[in-house]
Amino acid sequence: MYGYGGFAPYVSVAEKKEKARRMLVKLKKKDPNLWPVAIEGTKIAKTWWGISWNKNLESYADYANRIGRGRSYARNGMILDLKILQGEVEALVHGSASKPYTIKIAVDLLPTAKQDAIITRCAQQIDSLVDLAAGKFPKELEAIFTEQDKGLFPNPKEINFDCSCLDWASMCKHVASVLYGIGARLDEDPLLFFKLRGVEVEALIKKSVEAKMNSMLENANQKTSRVLADDEIDDLFGL
């Protein structure tokens, strides 16, 4: 319903938050597995993974001028559900309609060629990979993971999205909020990033170690077809 001049009546942030809260309570009665995005404070993301996800999106000119539309939605609890799957993100976002909007974001899986190139570079940072397996983020891997078009993070061409709202903009505020919400979710569980891109952390470490071993043997003019068994890599890194 619109007021004078064809504009929707003003609704305060507090009212929007309360409406979203009530809708979430109602929806959870039917689906207790909903996973809303709850952000405390003014920062949407606080860890390296979440911050780097958001920085990557904002670094592309195609997104820089549009993604900002979703910041307030993400901060104010409008994302009622956000689940990260392999190659896909599914979300529900509270908006002006009586029902939440359904958003689907498809993210291309990391191509094999890129994975192999990253593995080769990671082979020089074995100690850093051990830290990664332990849940820490080593600075040595930052350049490898974040380099545009060569790292782990997707570019706009690898991201496709759809929203059930009537906004025909190339990126509506509901989609933009979910893109930021992904960063917040990665704060909670960084391994979801690898799931989204179809990369197995243990396999990444295993292949990197094998590449390092083969490189060392080649430098010593020795040849080998040695492949680490799963239990050996598990023992080596305590996985």
C-alpha atoms as a PDB file:
ATOM      1  CA  MET A   1       0.000   0.000   0.000  1.00  0.00           C
ATOM      2  CA  TYR A   2       1.400   3.369  -1.046  1.00  0.00           C
ATOM      3  CA  GLY A   3       0.873   6.823   0.421  1.00  0.00           C
ATOM      4  CA  TYR A   4       0.848  10.256  -1.138  1.00  0.00           C
ATOM      5  CA  GLY A   5       3.041  10.757  -4.195  1.00  0.00           C
ATOM      6  CA  GLY A   6       3.134   7.016  -4.957  1.00  0.00           C
ATOM      7  CA  PHE A   7       5.750   6.252  -2.328  1.00  0.00           C
ATOM      8  CA  ALA A   8       5.505   3.486   0.220  1.00  0.00           C
ATOM      9  CA  PRO A   9       4.906   4.752   3.766  1.00  0.00           C
ATOM     10  CA  TYR A  10       8.022   5.095   5.919  1.00  0.00           C
ATOM     11  CA  VAL A  11       8.810   2.110   8.126  1.00  0.00           C
ATOM     12  CA  SER A  12      11.520   2.485  10.763  1.00  0.00           C
ATOM     13  CA  VAL A  13      14.402   0.063  11.091  1.00  0.00           C
ATOM     14  CA  ALA A  14      13.054  -1.057  14.463  1.00  0.00           C
ATOM     15  CA  GLU A  15       9.684  -1.900  12.896  1.00  0.00           C
ATOM     16  CA  LYS A  16      11.339  -3.812  10.066  1.00  0.00           C
ATOM     17  CA  LYS A  17      13.405  -5.818  12.525  1.00  0.00           C
ATOM     18  CA  GLU A  18      10.346  -6.654  14.601  1.00  0.00           C
ATOM     19  CA  LYS A  19       8.363  -7.760  11.561  1.00  0.00           C
ATOM     20  CA  ALA A  20      11.259  -9.950  10.459  1.00  0.00           C
ATOM     21  CA  ARG A  21      11.506 -11.438  13.947  1.00  0.00           C
ATOM     22  CA  ARG A  22       7.807 -12.271  14.028  1.00  0.00           C
ATOM     23  CA  MET A  23       7.954 -13.810  10.580  1.00  0.00           C
ATOM     24  CA  LEU A  24      10.920 -15.947  11.601  1.00  0.00           C
ATOM     25  CA  VAL A  25       9.087 -17.220  14.677  1.00  0.00           C
ATOM     26  CA  LYS A  26       6.106 -18.113  12.489  1.00  0.00           C
ATOM     27  CA  LEU A  27       8.216 -19.879   9.865  1.00  0.00           C
ATOM     28  CA  LYS A  28      10.207 -21.830  12.452  1.00  0.00           C
ATOM     29  CA  LYS A  29       7.020 -23.469  13.672  1.00  0.00           C
ATOM     30  CA  LYS A  30       6.789 -25.140  10.267  1.00  0.00           C
ATOM     31  CA  ASP A  31      10.520 -25.556   9.666  1.00  0.00           C
ATOM     32  CA  PRO A  32      12.714 -25.569  12.791  1.00  0.00           C
ATOM     33  CA  ASN A  33      15.805 -26.054  10.603  1.00  0.00           C
ATOM     34  CA  LEU A  34      15.806 -22.470   9.362  1.00  0.00           C
ATOM     35  CA  TRP A  35      19.236 -20.887   9.811  1.00  0.00           C
ATOM     36  CA  PRO A  36      18.922 -17.085   9.983  1.00  0.00           C
ATOM     37  CA  VAL A  37      21.863 -14.722   9.664  1.00  0.00           C
ATOM     38  CA  ALA A  38      22.376 -12.879  12.953  1.00  0.00           C
ATOM     39  CA  ILE A  39      24.923 -10.066  12.917  1.00  0.00           C
ATOM     40  CA  GLU A  40      26.089  -8.396  16.103  1.00  0.00           C
ATOM     41  CA  GLY A  41      27.555  -4.912  15.863  1.00  0.00           C
ATOM     42  CA  THR A  42      28.090  -2.893  12.713  1.00  0.00           C
ATOM     43  CA  LYS A  43      30.486  -5.226  10.906  1.00  0.00           C
ATOM     44  CA  ILE A  44      28.867  -7.814   8.677  1.00  0.00           C
ATOM     45  CA  ALA A  45      31.929 -10.066   8.747  1.00  0.00           C
ATOM     46  CA  LYS A  46      34.703 -10.254  11.323  1.00  0.00           C
ATOM     47  CA  THR A  47      36.996 -13.162  10.395  1.00  0.00           C
ATOM     48  CA  TRP A  48      39.404 -13.442   7.486  1.00  0.00           C
ATOM     49  CA  TRP A  49      37.068 -15.713   5.531  1.00  0.00           C
ATOM     50  CA  GLY A  50      33.982 -13.513   5.786  1.00  0.00           C
ATOM     51  CA  ILE A  51      35.886 -10.280   5.216  1.00  0.00           C
ATOM     52  CA  SER A  52      37.741 -11.719   2.222  1.00  0.00           C
ATOM     53  CA  TRP A  53      34.501 -13.011   0.679  1.00  0.00           C
ATOM     54  CA  ASN A  54      32.944  -9.550   0.891  1.00  0.00           C
ATOM     55  CA  LYS A  55      36.105  -7.772  -0.287  1.00  0.00           C
ATOM     56  CA  ASN A  56      36.302 -10.061  -3.293  1.00  0.00           C
ATOM     57  CA  LEU A  57      32.757  -9.193  -4.356  1.00  0.00           C
ATOM     58  CA  GLU A  58      33.290  -5.483  -3.792  1.00  0.00           C
ATOM     59  CA  SER A  59      36.517  -5.535  -5.810  1.00  0.00           C
ATOM     60  CA  TYR A  60      34.657  -6.127  -9.065  1.00  0.00           C
ATOM     61  CA  ALA A  61      33.251  -3.060 -10.807  1.00  0.00           C
ATOM     62  CA  ASP A  62      30.122  -4.998 -11.839  1.00  0.00           C
ATOM     63  CA  TYR A  63      29.243  -5.531  -8.184  1.00  0.00           C
ATOM     64  CA  ALA A  64      30.771  -2.522  -6.425  1.00  0.00           C
ATOM     65  CA  ASN A  65      27.926  -0.142  -7.296  1.00  0.00           C
ATOM     66  CA  ARG A  66      25.098  -2.583  -6.598  1.00  0.00           C
ATOM     67  CA  ILE A  67      25.965  -4.908  -3.753  1.00  0.00           C
ATOM     68  CA  GLY A  68      25.795  -2.085  -1.192  1.00  0.00           C
ATOM     69  CA  ARG A  69      21.995  -2.203  -1.484  1.00  0.00           C
ATOM     70  CA  GLY A  70      21.998  -5.316   0.667  1.00  0.00           C
ATOM     71  CA  ARG A  71      24.103  -4.152   3.627  1.00  0.00           C
ATOM     72  CA  SER A  72      21.235  -2.856   5.756  1.00  0.00           C
ATOM     73  CA  TYR A  73      19.121  -5.936   5.005  1.00  0.00           C
ATOM     74  CA  ALA A  74      21.935  -8.206   6.132  1.00  0.00           C
ATOM     75  CA  ARG A  75      22.690  -6.163   9.258  1.00  0.00           C
ATOM     76  CA  ASN A  76      19.059  -5.825  10.340  1.00  0.00           C
ATOM     77  CA  GLY A  77      18.109  -9.495  10.450  1.00  0.00           C
ATOM     78  CA  MET A  78      16.180  -9.683   7.181  1.00  0.00           C
ATOM     79  CA  ILE A  79      17.874 -12.939   6.133  1.00  0.00           C
ATOM     80  CA  LEU A  80      15.602 -15.534   7.713  1.00  0.00           C
ATOM     81  CA  ASP A  81      17.415 -18.551   6.333  1.00  0.00           C
ATOM     82  CA  LEU A  82      20.713 -19.098   4.522  1.00  0.00           C
ATOM     83  CA  LYS A  83      22.121 -22.485   3.671  1.00  0.00           C
ATOM     84  CA  ILE A  84      25.369 -23.083   1.792  1.00  0.00           C
ATOM     85  CA  LEU A  85      25.453 -26.228  -0.322  1.00  0.00           C
ATOM     86  CA  GLN A  86      27.873 -27.480  -2.949  1.00  0.00           C
ATOM     87  CA  GLY A  87      27.722 -24.939  -5.741  1.00  0.00           C
ATOM     88  CA  GLU A  88      24.588 -23.284  -4.414  1.00  0.00           C
ATOM     89  CA  VAL A  89      23.211 -21.004  -1.728  1.00  0.00           C
ATOM     90  CA  GLU A  90      19.524 -21.036  -0.773  1.00  0.00           C
ATOM     91  CA  ALA A  91      18.002 -18.241   1.288  1.00  0.00           C
ATOM     92  CA  LEU A  92      14.794 -16.597   2.505  1.00  0.00           C
ATOM     93  CA  VAL A  93      14.757 -12.817   2.925  1.00  0.00           C
ATOM     94  CA  HIS A  94      12.078 -10.717   4.609  1.00  0.00           C
ATOM     95  CA  GLY A  95      10.949  -7.761   2.518  1.00  0.00           C
ATOM     96  CA  SER A  96       7.854  -5.685   1.857  1.00  0.00           C
ATOM     97  CA  ALA A  97       5.685  -8.654   0.832  1.00  0.00           C
ATOM     98  CA  SER A  98       3.610 -10.774   3.193  1.00  0.00           C
ATOM     99  CA  LYS A  99       5.844 -13.782   2.486  1.00  0.00           C
ATOM    100  CA  PRO A 100       9.645 -13.900   2.436  1.00  0.00           C
ATOM    101  CA  TYR A 101      11.436 -13.817  -0.893  1.00  0.00           C
ATOM    102  CA  THR A 102      13.212 -16.932  -2.094  1.00  0.00           C
ATOM    103  CA  ILE A 103      16.757 -16.430  -3.332  1.00  0.00           C
ATOM    104  CA  LYS A 104      18.975 -18.946  -5.082  1.00  0.00           C
ATOM    105  CA  ILE A 105      22.598 -18.197  -5.881  1.00  0.00           C
ATOM    106  CA  ALA A 106      24.574 -20.628  -8.020  1.00  0.00           C
ATOM    107  CA  VAL A 107      28.367 -20.505  -7.728  1.00  0.00           C
ATOM    108  CA  ASP A 108      30.466 -22.432 -10.232  1.00  0.00           C
ATOM    109  CA  LEU A 109      32.580 -25.175  -8.750  1.00  0.00           C
ATOM    110  CA  LEU A 110      36.288 -24.465  -8.882  1.00  0.00           C
ATOM    111  CA  PRO A 111      37.567 -25.831 -12.234  1.00  0.00           C
ATOM    112  CA  THR A 112      40.040 -28.692 -12.080  1.00  0.00           C
ATOM    113  CA  ALA A 113      42.713 -26.622 -13.840  1.00  0.00           C
ATOM    114  CA  LYS A 114      42.475 -23.923 -11.167  1.00  0.00           C
ATOM    115  CA  GLN A 115      42.558 -26.497  -8.391  1.00  0.00           C
ATOM    116  CA  ASP A 116      45.700 -28.051  -9.853  1.00  0.00           C
ATOM    117  CA  ALA A 117      47.389 -24.652 -10.165  1.00  0.00           C
ATOM    118  CA  ILE A 118      46.516 -23.811  -6.558  1.00  0.00           C
ATOM    119  CA  ILE A 119      47.775 -27.204  -5.393  1.00  0.00           C
ATOM    120  CA  THR A 120      51.115 -26.583  -7.104  1.00  0.00           C
ATOM    121  CA  ARG A 121      51.468 -23.233  -5.348  1.00  0.00           C
ATOM    122  CA  CYS A 122      50.304 -24.657  -2.017  1.00  0.00           C
ATOM    123  CA  ALA A 123      52.974 -27.347  -2.241  1.00  0.00           C
ATOM    124  CA  GLN A 124      55.473 -24.623  -1.384  1.00  0.00           C
ATOM    125  CA  GLN A 125      53.507 -23.756   1.763  1.00  0.00           C
ATOM    126  CA  ILE A 126      53.083 -27.114   3.487  1.00  0.00           C
ATOM    127  CA  ASP A 127      53.488 -25.668   6.990  1.00  0.00           C
ATOM    128  CA  SER A 128      50.752 -23.156   6.211  1.00  0.00           C
ATOM    129  CA  LEU A 129      48.437 -25.940   5.070  1.00  0.00           C
ATOM    130  CA  VAL A 130      48.921 -27.653   8.419  1.00  0.00           C
ATOM    131  CA  ASP A 131      47.682 -24.475  10.114  1.00  0.00           C
ATOM    132  CA  LEU A 132      44.719 -24.378   7.737  1.00  0.00           C
ATOM    133  CA  ALA A 133      43.780 -27.939   8.645  1.00  0.00           C
ATOM    134  CA  ALA A 134      43.924 -26.898  12.310  1.00  0.00           C
ATOM    135  CA  GLY A 135      41.328 -24.195  11.680  1.00  0.00           C
ATOM    136  CA  LYS A 136      43.743 -21.270  11.494  1.00  0.00           C
ATOM    137  CA  PHE A 137      44.306 -19.031   8.496  1.00  0.00           C
ATOM    138  CA  PRO A 138      47.972 -18.596   7.614  1.00  0.00           C
ATOM    139  CA  LYS A 139      48.897 -15.289   5.973  1.00  0.00           C
ATOM    140  CA  GLU A 140      51.166 -17.124   3.540  1.00  0.00           C
ATOM    141  CA  LEU A 141      48.125 -18.543   1.757  1.00  0.00           C
ATOM    142  CA  GLU A 142      46.328 -15.211   1.406  1.00  0.00           C
ATOM    143  CA  ALA A 143      47.779 -14.280  -1.985  1.00  0.00           C
ATOM    144  CA  ILE A 144      47.207 -17.790  -3.329  1.00  0.00           C
ATOM    145  CA  PHE A 145      43.583 -17.910  -2.245  1.00  0.00           C
ATOM    146  CA  THR A 146      42.503 -14.358  -3.076  1.00  0.00           C
ATOM    147  CA  GLU A 147      44.215 -13.568  -6.376  1.00  0.00           C
ATOM    148  CA  GLN A 148      41.527 -12.512  -8.853  1.00  0.00           C
ATOM    149  CA  ASP A 149      40.689 -15.125 -11.497  1.00  0.00           C
ATOM    150  CA  LYS A 150      43.399 -17.490 -10.190  1.00  0.00           C
ATOM    151  CA  GLY A 151      42.457 -18.001  -6.542  1.00  0.00           C
ATOM    152  CA  LEU A 152      39.632 -19.765  -4.744  1.00  0.00           C
ATOM    153  CA  PHE A 153      37.159 -16.877  -4.687  1.00  0.00           C
ATOM    154  CA  PRO A 154      34.610 -16.631  -7.527  1.00  0.00           C
ATOM    155  CA  ASN A 155      34.317 -13.754  -9.990  1.00  0.00           C
ATOM    156  CA  PRO A 156      30.940 -12.349 -11.160  1.00  0.00           C
ATOM    157  CA  LYS A 157      30.929 -14.569 -14.252  1.00  0.00           C
ATOM    158  CA  GLU A 158      30.934 -17.592 -11.946  1.00  0.00           C
ATOM    159  CA  ILE A 159      27.946 -16.376  -9.921  1.00  0.00           C
ATOM    160  CA  ASN A 160      24.317 -16.534 -11.040  1.00  0.00           C
ATOM    161  CA  PHE A 161      21.338 -15.565  -8.934  1.00  0.00           C
ATOM    162  CA  ASP A 162      17.565 -15.449  -8.885  1.00  0.00           C
ATOM    163  CA  CYS A 163      15.032 -13.815  -6.546  1.00  0.00           C
ATOM    164  CA  SER A 164      11.269 -14.231  -6.367  1.00  0.00           C
ATOM    165  CA  CYS A 165      10.732 -10.466  -5.943  1.00  0.00           C
ATOM    166  CA  LEU A 166       9.464  -8.175  -8.714  1.00  0.00           C
ATOM    167  CA  ASP A 167      12.588  -6.023  -8.819  1.00  0.00           C
ATOM    168  CA  TRP A 168      13.991  -6.405 -12.319  1.00  0.00           C
ATOM    169  CA  ALA A 169      17.335  -4.867 -11.406  1.00  0.00           C
ATOM    170  CA  SER A 170      20.356  -6.973 -12.326  1.00  0.00           C
ATOM    171  CA  MET A 171      20.990  -7.376  -8.601  1.00  0.00           C
ATOM    172  CA  CYS A 172      18.105  -6.668  -6.238  1.00  0.00           C
ATOM    173  CA  LYS A 173      18.698  -5.765  -2.596  1.00  0.00           C
ATOM    174  CA  HIS A 174      17.548  -9.222  -1.480  1.00  0.00           C
ATOM    175  CA  VAL A 175      20.223 -10.957  -3.551  1.00  0.00           C
ATOM    176  CA  ALA A 176      22.784  -8.372  -2.418  1.00  0.00           C
ATOM    177  CA  SER A 177      21.917  -9.040   1.227  1.00  0.00           C
ATOM    178  CA  VAL A 178      22.409 -12.783   0.757  1.00  0.00           C
ATOM    179  CA  LEU A 179      25.809 -12.220  -0.883  1.00  0.00           C
ATOM    180  CA  TYR A 180      26.833 -10.341   2.262  1.00  0.00           C
ATOM    181  CA  GLY A 181      25.123 -12.980   4.390  1.00  0.00           C
ATOM    182  CA  ILE A 182      27.413 -15.613   2.905  1.00  0.00           C
ATOM    183  CA  GLY A 183      30.353 -13.688   4.343  1.00  0.00           C
ATOM    184  CA  ALA A 184      28.706 -13.683   7.769  1.00  0.00           C
ATOM    185  CA  ARG A 185      28.021 -17.413   7.519  1.00  0.00           C
ATOM    186  CA  LEU A 186      31.667 -18.112   6.648  1.00  0.00           C
ATOM    187  CA  ASP A 187      32.590 -16.428   9.940  1.00  0.00           C
ATOM    188  CA  GLU A 188      30.740 -19.257  11.669  1.00  0.00           C
ATOM    189  CA  ASP A 189      32.090 -22.103   9.546  1.00  0.00           C
ATOM    190  CA  PRO A 190      34.921 -21.382   7.044  1.00  0.00           C
ATOM    191  CA  LEU A 191      34.781 -24.935   5.691  1.00  0.00           C
ATOM    192  CA  LEU A 192      31.457 -24.043   4.056  1.00  0.00           C
ATOM    193  CA  PHE A 193      33.495 -21.968   1.615  1.00  0.00           C
ATOM    194  CA  PHE A 194      35.266 -25.088   0.340  1.00  0.00           C
ATOM    195  CA  LYS A 195      31.951 -26.926   0.190  1.00  0.00           C
ATOM    196  CA  LEU A 196      30.454 -24.124  -1.906  1.00  0.00           C
ATOM    197  CA  ARG A 197      33.317 -24.288  -4.411  1.00  0.00           C
ATOM    198  CA  GLY A 198      33.475 -28.081  -4.460  1.00  0.00           C
ATOM    199  CA  VAL A 199      36.956 -28.318  -2.930  1.00  0.00           C
ATOM    200  CA  GLU A 200      37.801 -30.965  -0.334  1.00  0.00           C
ATOM    201  CA  VAL A 201      40.255 -29.549   2.185  1.00  0.00           C
ATOM    202  CA  GLU A 202      41.797 -32.928   3.000  1.00  0.00           C
ATOM    203  CA  ALA A 203      42.233 -33.694  -0.711  1.00  0.00           C
ATOM    204  CA  LEU A 204      43.816 -30.273  -1.247  1.00  0.00           C
ATOM    205  CA  ILE A 205      46.336 -30.944   1.521  1.00  0.00           C
ATOM    206  CA  LYS A 206      47.024 -34.498   0.392  1.00  0.00           C
ATOM    207  CA  LYS A 207      47.662 -33.527  -3.236  1.00  0.00           C
ATOM    208  CA  SER A 208      49.809 -30.585  -2.172  1.00  0.00           C
ATOM    209  CA  VAL A 209      51.987 -32.836  -0.003  1.00  0.00           C
ATOM    210  CA  GLU A 210      52.354 -35.347  -2.825  1.00  0.00           C
ATOM    211  CA  ALA A 211      53.276 -32.562  -5.258  1.00  0.00           C
ATOM    212  CA  LYS A 212      55.915 -31.341  -2.795  1.00  0.00           C
ATOM    213  CA  MET A 213      57.346 -34.837  -2.364  1.00  0.00           C
ATOM    214  CA  ASN A 214      57.497 -35.457  -6.105  1.00  0.00           C
ATOM    215  CA  SER A 215      59.163 -32.093  -6.664  1.00  0.00           C
ATOM    216  CA  MET A 216      61.826 -32.868  -4.072  1.00  0.00           C
ATOM    217  CA  LEU A 217      62.499 -36.278  -5.622  1.00  0.00           C
ATOM    218  CA  GLU A 218      62.707 -34.832  -9.127  1.00  0.00           C
ATOM    219  CA  ASN A 219      65.255 -32.302  -7.921  1.00  0.00           C
ATOM    220  CA  ALA A 220      67.250 -35.233  -6.573  1.00  0.00           C
ATOM    221  CA  ASN A 221      67.013 -36.945  -9.990  1.00  0.00           C
ATOM    222  CA  GLN A 222      64.806 -39.698  -8.607  1.00  0.00           C
ATOM    223  CA  LYS A 223      61.515 -40.942  -9.954  1.00  0.00           C
ATOM    224  CA  THR A 224      58.631 -42.302  -7.941  1.00  0.00           C
ATOM    225  CA  SER A 225      55.006 -43.275  -8.334  1.00  0.00           C
ATOM    226  CA  ARG A 226      54.533 -43.093  -4.572  1.00  0.00           C
ATOM    227  CA  VAL A 227      51.060 -41.956  -3.508  1.00  0.00           C
ATOM    228  CA  LEU A 228      50.170 -41.260   0.083  1.00  0.00           C
ATOM    229  CA  ALA A 229      47.434 -43.454   1.487  1.00  0.00           C
ATOM    230  CA  ASP A 230      44.494 -41.759   3.208  1.00  0.00           C
ATOM    231  CA  ASP A 231      45.508 -43.053   6.631  1.00  0.00           C
ATOM    232  CA  GLU A 232      49.047 -41.731   6.125  1.00  0.00           C
ATOM    233  CA  ILE A 233      47.897 -38.199   5.339  1.00  0.00           C
ATOM    234  CA  ASP A 234      45.507 -38.379   8.270  1.00  0.00           C
ATOM    235  CA  ASP A 235      48.325 -39.391  10.618  1.00  0.00           C
ATOM    236  CA  LEU A 236      50.656 -36.766   9.175  1.00  0.00           C
ATOM    237  CA  PHE A 237      48.287 -33.881   9.778  1.00  0.00           C
ATOM    238  CA  GLY A 238      46.170 -35.258  12.583  1.00  0.00           C
ATOM    239  CA  LEU A 239      42.986 -35.049  10.523  1.00  0.00           C
END
